[in-house]
Amino acid sequence: EVILNMGNDINPDLIGIVRTMMIMAQYDLGNYSILPHMVKSSKLWVKRRGVLDKEDELLFSLLAAVVKPTNAAAHKSAWQKLLAAIEAGKLTYICDNINFEEWARSRAQVKARFIY
């Protein structure tokens, strides 16, 4: 709630990180039904503030695939693509600033949590 109420007071460099952390928290809380909308709105929120870069664009597109309620095979493939982007060094800013890589690896190892 505190993060949501920060509005424009947040450092522009941290906007994508804060939004990503909110998505991570909701995923961990099991609020799967709100995640597709949350990823879409987060991307739009960052874009409207003029700080959406190529890394953010990639991150939000990969997260959108991860949280899309499809089937177990598609879910696993989405996690693999996210991990491949991390390993290829395409998500360095988010990985350097929060423990996103460890979070993603631990979640990718768990059987798909969505109800299909």
N, C-alpha and C. Protein backbone atom coordinates (compact mmCIF):
# COMPACT_ATOMS: atom_id res chain seq x y z
N GLU A 1 0.82 -1.18 0.00
CA GLU A 1 0.00 0.00 0.00
C GLU A 1 0.87 1.25 0.00
N VAL A 2 1.93 1.24 0.77
CA VAL A 2 2.84 2.39 0.84
C VAL A 2 3.44 2.66 -0.54
N ILE A 3 3.84 1.59 -1.21
CA ILE A 3 4.44 1.74 -2.54
C ILE A 3 3.44 2.35 -3.51
N LEU A 4 2.20 1.90 -3.48
CA LEU A 4 1.18 2.42 -4.38
C LEU A 4 0.91 3.90 -4.15
N ASN A 5 1.03 4.35 -2.92
CA ASN A 5 0.74 5.74 -2.58
C ASN A 5 1.90 6.69 -2.77
N MET A 6 3.02 6.18 -3.25
CA MET A 6 4.19 7.04 -3.43
C MET A 6 4.02 7.99 -4.61
N GLY A 7 3.20 7.59 -5.59
CA GLY A 7 2.93 8.44 -6.73
C GLY A 7 4.18 8.85 -7.46
N ASN A 8 4.32 10.14 -7.71
CA ASN A 8 5.45 10.66 -8.47
C ASN A 8 6.67 10.95 -7.61
N ASP A 9 6.60 10.65 -6.32
CA ASP A 9 7.72 10.92 -5.43
C ASP A 9 8.84 9.90 -5.57
N ILE A 10 8.61 8.85 -6.31
CA ILE A 10 9.60 7.78 -6.44
C ILE A 10 10.65 8.16 -7.49
N ASN A 11 11.87 7.77 -7.24
CA ASN A 11 12.97 8.00 -8.17
C ASN A 11 12.65 7.32 -9.49
N PRO A 12 12.72 8.02 -10.63
CA PRO A 12 12.39 7.43 -11.92
C PRO A 12 13.18 6.17 -12.25
N ASP A 13 14.40 6.07 -11.75
CA ASP A 13 15.20 4.88 -12.00
C ASP A 13 14.65 3.64 -11.30
N LEU A 14 13.86 3.86 -10.28
CA LEU A 14 13.35 2.74 -9.49
C LEU A 14 11.93 2.31 -9.85
N ILE A 15 11.29 3.05 -10.73
CA ILE A 15 9.89 2.77 -11.06
C ILE A 15 9.70 1.33 -11.53
N GLY A 16 10.50 0.89 -12.49
CA GLY A 16 10.37 -0.47 -13.00
C GLY A 16 10.64 -1.51 -11.94
N ILE A 17 11.61 -1.24 -11.08
CA ILE A 17 11.95 -2.17 -10.00
C ILE A 17 10.81 -2.28 -9.00
N VAL A 18 10.25 -1.16 -8.61
CA VAL A 18 9.16 -1.17 -7.65
C VAL A 18 7.96 -1.92 -8.21
N ARG A 19 7.63 -1.66 -9.45
CA ARG A 19 6.50 -2.35 -10.08
C ARG A 19 6.77 -3.85 -10.17
N THR A 20 7.99 -4.22 -10.50
CA THR A 20 8.35 -5.64 -10.59
C THR A 20 8.25 -6.30 -9.22
N MET A 21 8.70 -5.60 -8.20
CA MET A 21 8.61 -6.15 -6.84
C MET A 21 7.15 -6.34 -6.41
N MET A 22 6.28 -5.46 -6.84
CA MET A 22 4.86 -5.61 -6.53
C MET A 22 4.30 -6.86 -7.21
N ILE A 23 4.71 -7.10 -8.44
CA ILE A 23 4.27 -8.30 -9.16
C ILE A 23 4.80 -9.55 -8.46
N MET A 24 6.07 -9.52 -8.08
CA MET A 24 6.67 -10.65 -7.38
C MET A 24 5.91 -10.95 -6.08
N ALA A 25 5.59 -9.90 -5.34
CA ALA A 25 4.88 -10.08 -4.06
C ALA A 25 3.51 -10.70 -4.28
N GLN A 26 2.79 -10.20 -5.27
CA GLN A 26 1.46 -10.75 -5.53
C GLN A 26 1.53 -12.20 -6.01
N TYR A 27 2.57 -12.53 -6.77
CA TYR A 27 2.76 -13.91 -7.20
C TYR A 27 2.99 -14.80 -5.98
N ASP A 28 3.85 -14.34 -5.09
CA ASP A 28 4.15 -15.13 -3.89
C ASP A 28 2.96 -15.23 -2.94
N LEU A 29 2.08 -14.25 -2.96
CA LEU A 29 0.88 -14.29 -2.12
C LEU A 29 -0.22 -15.16 -2.73
N GLY A 30 0.01 -15.60 -3.97
CA GLY A 30 -0.98 -16.47 -4.62
C GLY A 30 -2.13 -15.73 -5.27
N ASN A 31 -1.96 -14.45 -5.50
CA ASN A 31 -3.01 -13.65 -6.14
C ASN A 31 -2.89 -13.72 -7.66
N TYR A 32 -2.99 -14.93 -8.18
CA TYR A 32 -2.73 -15.18 -9.60
C TYR A 32 -3.74 -14.51 -10.54
N SER A 33 -4.96 -14.36 -10.09
CA SER A 33 -5.99 -13.80 -10.97
C SER A 33 -5.72 -12.33 -11.32
N ILE A 34 -5.02 -11.61 -10.46
CA ILE A 34 -4.76 -10.19 -10.74
C ILE A 34 -3.45 -9.97 -11.52
N LEU A 35 -2.62 -11.00 -11.61
CA LEU A 35 -1.29 -10.81 -12.19
C LEU A 35 -1.29 -10.39 -13.66
N PRO A 36 -2.10 -10.98 -14.55
CA PRO A 36 -2.06 -10.50 -15.94
C PRO A 36 -2.36 -9.01 -16.06
N HIS A 37 -3.37 -8.56 -15.34
CA HIS A 37 -3.71 -7.13 -15.36
C HIS A 37 -2.59 -6.30 -14.73
N MET A 38 -2.02 -6.80 -13.65
CA MET A 38 -0.98 -6.07 -12.94
C MET A 38 0.26 -5.87 -13.82
N VAL A 39 0.65 -6.90 -14.56
CA VAL A 39 1.81 -6.78 -15.45
C VAL A 39 1.51 -5.75 -16.54
N LYS A 40 0.32 -5.85 -17.12
CA LYS A 40 -0.06 -4.91 -18.20
C LYS A 40 -0.11 -3.47 -17.68
N SER A 41 -0.73 -3.28 -16.53
CA SER A 41 -0.85 -1.92 -15.99
C SER A 41 0.51 -1.38 -15.53
N SER A 42 1.37 -2.27 -15.03
CA SER A 42 2.70 -1.82 -14.61
C SER A 42 3.52 -1.34 -15.80
N LYS A 43 3.45 -2.08 -16.89
CA LYS A 43 4.16 -1.68 -18.10
C LYS A 43 3.65 -0.32 -18.58
N LEU A 44 2.34 -0.15 -18.59
CA LEU A 44 1.75 1.11 -19.02
C LEU A 44 2.13 2.24 -18.07
N TRP A 45 2.15 1.98 -16.77
CA TRP A 45 2.49 2.98 -15.76
C TRP A 45 3.93 3.47 -15.97
N VAL A 46 4.84 2.53 -16.21
CA VAL A 46 6.25 2.88 -16.43
C VAL A 46 6.39 3.65 -17.75
N LYS A 47 5.67 3.20 -18.76
CA LYS A 47 5.74 3.86 -20.07
C LYS A 47 5.23 5.30 -19.99
N ARG A 48 4.14 5.51 -19.28
CA ARG A 48 3.57 6.87 -19.16
C ARG A 48 4.49 7.83 -18.43
N ARG A 49 5.36 7.30 -17.61
CA ARG A 49 6.33 8.15 -16.91
C ARG A 49 7.61 8.34 -17.71
N GLY A 50 7.64 7.78 -18.90
CA GLY A 50 8.77 7.99 -19.80
C GLY A 50 10.04 7.26 -19.44
N VAL A 51 9.94 6.20 -18.66
CA VAL A 51 11.15 5.48 -18.24
C VAL A 51 11.16 4.02 -18.71
N LEU A 52 10.27 3.67 -19.65
CA LEU A 52 10.24 2.31 -20.17
C LEU A 52 11.39 2.15 -21.17
N ASP A 53 12.37 1.32 -20.81
CA ASP A 53 13.48 1.07 -21.72
C ASP A 53 13.35 -0.35 -22.28
N LYS A 54 14.33 -0.76 -23.09
CA LYS A 54 14.26 -2.07 -23.73
C LYS A 54 14.27 -3.21 -22.71
N GLU A 55 15.02 -3.04 -21.63
CA GLU A 55 15.06 -4.08 -20.60
C GLU A 55 13.70 -4.21 -19.91
N ASP A 56 13.08 -3.07 -19.58
CA ASP A 56 11.75 -3.11 -18.98
C ASP A 56 10.74 -3.74 -19.93
N GLU A 57 10.82 -3.37 -21.19
CA GLU A 57 9.92 -3.92 -22.21
C GLU A 57 10.03 -5.44 -22.25
N LEU A 58 11.26 -5.93 -22.28
CA LEU A 58 11.49 -7.37 -22.30
C LEU A 58 10.99 -8.02 -21.01
N LEU A 59 11.32 -7.43 -19.88
CA LEU A 59 10.91 -7.97 -18.59
C LEU A 59 9.40 -8.10 -18.51
N PHE A 60 8.68 -7.04 -18.84
CA PHE A 60 7.22 -7.08 -18.73
C PHE A 60 6.61 -8.05 -19.73
N SER A 61 7.19 -8.18 -20.91
CA SER A 61 6.65 -9.15 -21.88
C SER A 61 6.88 -10.59 -21.39
N LEU A 62 8.05 -10.84 -20.80
CA LEU A 62 8.32 -12.18 -20.26
C LEU A 62 7.45 -12.48 -19.04
N LEU A 63 7.27 -11.49 -18.18
CA LEU A 63 6.39 -11.69 -17.02
C LEU A 63 4.94 -11.90 -17.46
N ALA A 64 4.52 -11.21 -18.52
CA ALA A 64 3.16 -11.40 -19.02
C ALA A 64 2.93 -12.84 -19.45
N ALA A 65 3.94 -13.44 -20.09
CA ALA A 65 3.82 -14.83 -20.50
C ALA A 65 3.81 -15.77 -19.30
N VAL A 66 4.60 -15.45 -18.29
CA VAL A 66 4.66 -16.28 -17.08
C VAL A 66 3.32 -16.29 -16.34
N VAL A 67 2.67 -15.16 -16.27
CA VAL A 67 1.44 -15.06 -15.47
C VAL A 67 0.17 -15.33 -16.27
N LYS A 68 0.32 -15.54 -17.57
CA LYS A 68 -0.84 -15.83 -18.41
C LYS A 68 -1.36 -17.23 -18.08
N PRO A 69 -2.62 -17.34 -17.68
CA PRO A 69 -3.15 -18.64 -17.31
C PRO A 69 -3.49 -19.50 -18.53
N THR A 70 -2.53 -20.28 -18.97
CA THR A 70 -2.74 -21.16 -20.12
C THR A 70 -2.69 -22.60 -19.65
N ASN A 71 -1.65 -23.32 -20.02
CA ASN A 71 -1.49 -24.70 -19.57
C ASN A 71 -0.10 -24.88 -18.97
N ALA A 72 0.13 -26.03 -18.37
CA ALA A 72 1.39 -26.26 -17.65
C ALA A 72 2.60 -26.18 -18.58
N ALA A 73 2.49 -26.71 -19.79
CA ALA A 73 3.62 -26.69 -20.73
C ALA A 73 3.98 -25.25 -21.13
N ALA A 74 2.97 -24.45 -21.40
CA ALA A 74 3.21 -23.05 -21.77
C ALA A 74 3.79 -22.28 -20.60
N HIS A 75 3.31 -22.58 -19.41
CA HIS A 75 3.80 -21.92 -18.21
C HIS A 75 5.29 -22.25 -18.00
N LYS A 76 5.64 -23.51 -18.15
CA LYS A 76 7.04 -23.93 -18.00
C LYS A 76 7.91 -23.28 -19.07
N SER A 77 7.43 -23.22 -20.28
CA SER A 77 8.18 -22.60 -21.37
C SER A 77 8.41 -21.11 -21.11
N ALA A 78 7.39 -20.44 -20.56
CA ALA A 78 7.52 -19.01 -20.24
C ALA A 78 8.60 -18.79 -19.18
N TRP A 79 8.63 -19.63 -18.16
CA TRP A 79 9.67 -19.52 -17.14
C TRP A 79 11.04 -19.77 -17.75
N GLN A 80 11.15 -20.75 -18.65
CA GLN A 80 12.43 -21.05 -19.29
C GLN A 80 12.92 -19.86 -20.11
N LYS A 81 12.01 -19.17 -20.80
CA LYS A 81 12.39 -17.99 -21.58
C LYS A 81 12.86 -16.86 -20.67
N LEU A 82 12.19 -16.71 -19.55
CA LEU A 82 12.61 -15.68 -18.59
C LEU A 82 14.00 -15.99 -18.05
N LEU A 83 14.25 -17.23 -17.68
CA LEU A 83 15.57 -17.62 -17.17
C LEU A 83 16.64 -17.50 -18.26
N ALA A 84 16.29 -17.81 -19.49
CA ALA A 84 17.25 -17.67 -20.60
C ALA A 84 17.64 -16.20 -20.80
N ALA A 85 16.68 -15.30 -20.66
CA ALA A 85 16.98 -13.87 -20.78
C ALA A 85 17.90 -13.41 -19.65
N ILE A 86 17.67 -13.93 -18.46
CA ILE A 86 18.53 -13.60 -17.32
C ILE A 86 19.95 -14.10 -17.59
N GLU A 87 20.07 -15.35 -18.02
CA GLU A 87 21.38 -15.95 -18.28
C GLU A 87 22.11 -15.25 -19.42
N ALA A 88 21.36 -14.74 -20.39
CA ALA A 88 21.96 -14.03 -21.52
C ALA A 88 22.36 -12.60 -21.17
N GLY A 89 22.08 -12.18 -19.94
CA GLY A 89 22.44 -10.83 -19.51
C GLY A 89 21.52 -9.75 -20.03
N LYS A 90 20.29 -10.11 -20.38
CA LYS A 90 19.35 -9.14 -20.93
C LYS A 90 18.53 -8.43 -19.86
N LEU A 91 18.63 -8.90 -18.62
CA LEU A 91 17.87 -8.30 -17.52
C LEU A 91 18.81 -7.91 -16.38
N THR A 92 19.92 -7.31 -16.73
CA THR A 92 20.96 -7.01 -15.72
C THR A 92 20.53 -5.97 -14.70
N TYR A 93 19.81 -4.95 -15.13
CA TYR A 93 19.45 -3.88 -14.19
C TYR A 93 18.58 -4.42 -13.06
N ILE A 94 17.55 -5.18 -13.41
CA ILE A 94 16.65 -5.72 -12.39
C ILE A 94 17.38 -6.75 -11.53
N CYS A 95 18.22 -7.55 -12.14
CA CYS A 95 18.95 -8.58 -11.38
C CYS A 95 20.02 -7.98 -10.48
N ASP A 96 20.61 -6.86 -10.89
CA ASP A 96 21.64 -6.21 -10.09
C ASP A 96 21.06 -5.45 -8.90
N ASN A 97 19.81 -5.01 -9.03
CA ASN A 97 19.22 -4.16 -7.99
C ASN A 97 18.33 -4.88 -7.00
N ILE A 98 17.76 -5.99 -7.39
CA ILE A 98 17.02 -6.83 -6.45
C ILE A 98 17.40 -8.28 -6.76
N ASN A 99 17.03 -9.17 -5.89
CA ASN A 99 17.41 -10.57 -6.06
C ASN A 99 16.44 -11.28 -7.01
N PHE A 100 16.21 -10.68 -8.18
CA PHE A 100 15.23 -11.19 -9.13
C PHE A 100 15.63 -12.55 -9.70
N GLU A 101 16.89 -12.73 -9.97
CA GLU A 101 17.34 -14.00 -10.56
C GLU A 101 17.04 -15.17 -9.62
N GLU A 102 17.37 -15.03 -8.36
CA GLU A 102 17.10 -16.11 -7.41
C GLU A 102 15.60 -16.35 -7.27
N TRP A 103 14.83 -15.27 -7.22
CA TRP A 103 13.38 -15.39 -7.14
C TRP A 103 12.85 -16.16 -8.34
N ALA A 104 13.27 -15.78 -9.54
CA ALA A 104 12.78 -16.43 -10.75
C ALA A 104 13.19 -17.90 -10.79
N ARG A 105 14.42 -18.19 -10.44
CA ARG A 105 14.89 -19.59 -10.44
C ARG A 105 14.09 -20.45 -9.46
N SER A 106 13.84 -19.94 -8.29
CA SER A 106 13.11 -20.73 -7.30
C SER A 106 11.65 -20.93 -7.72
N ARG A 107 11.04 -19.94 -8.36
CA ARG A 107 9.65 -20.08 -8.80
C ARG A 107 9.54 -20.97 -10.03
N ALA A 108 10.55 -20.95 -10.88
CA ALA A 108 10.53 -21.77 -12.09
C ALA A 108 10.63 -23.26 -11.76
N GLN A 109 11.24 -23.57 -10.62
CA GLN A 109 11.41 -24.97 -10.23
C GLN A 109 10.13 -25.57 -9.63
N VAL A 110 9.24 -24.72 -9.20
CA VAL A 110 7.99 -25.19 -8.61
C VAL A 110 7.01 -25.51 -9.73
N LYS A 111 6.28 -26.59 -9.59
CA LYS A 111 5.27 -26.95 -10.59
C LYS A 111 4.31 -25.79 -10.75
N ALA A 112 3.83 -25.60 -11.96
CA ALA A 112 2.92 -24.50 -12.27
C ALA A 112 1.83 -24.37 -11.21
N ARG A 113 1.66 -23.17 -10.70
CA ARG A 113 0.71 -22.93 -9.61
C ARG A 113 -0.67 -22.52 -10.10
N PHE A 114 -0.78 -22.21 -11.36
CA PHE A 114 -2.05 -21.73 -11.87
C PHE A 114 -3.04 -22.88 -12.02
N ILE A 115 -4.29 -22.57 -11.87
CA ILE A 115 -5.35 -23.53 -12.16
C ILE A 115 -5.78 -23.27 -13.58
N TYR A 116 -5.65 -24.27 -14.43
CA TYR A 116 -5.92 -24.10 -15.85
C TYR A 116 -7.34 -24.49 -16.19
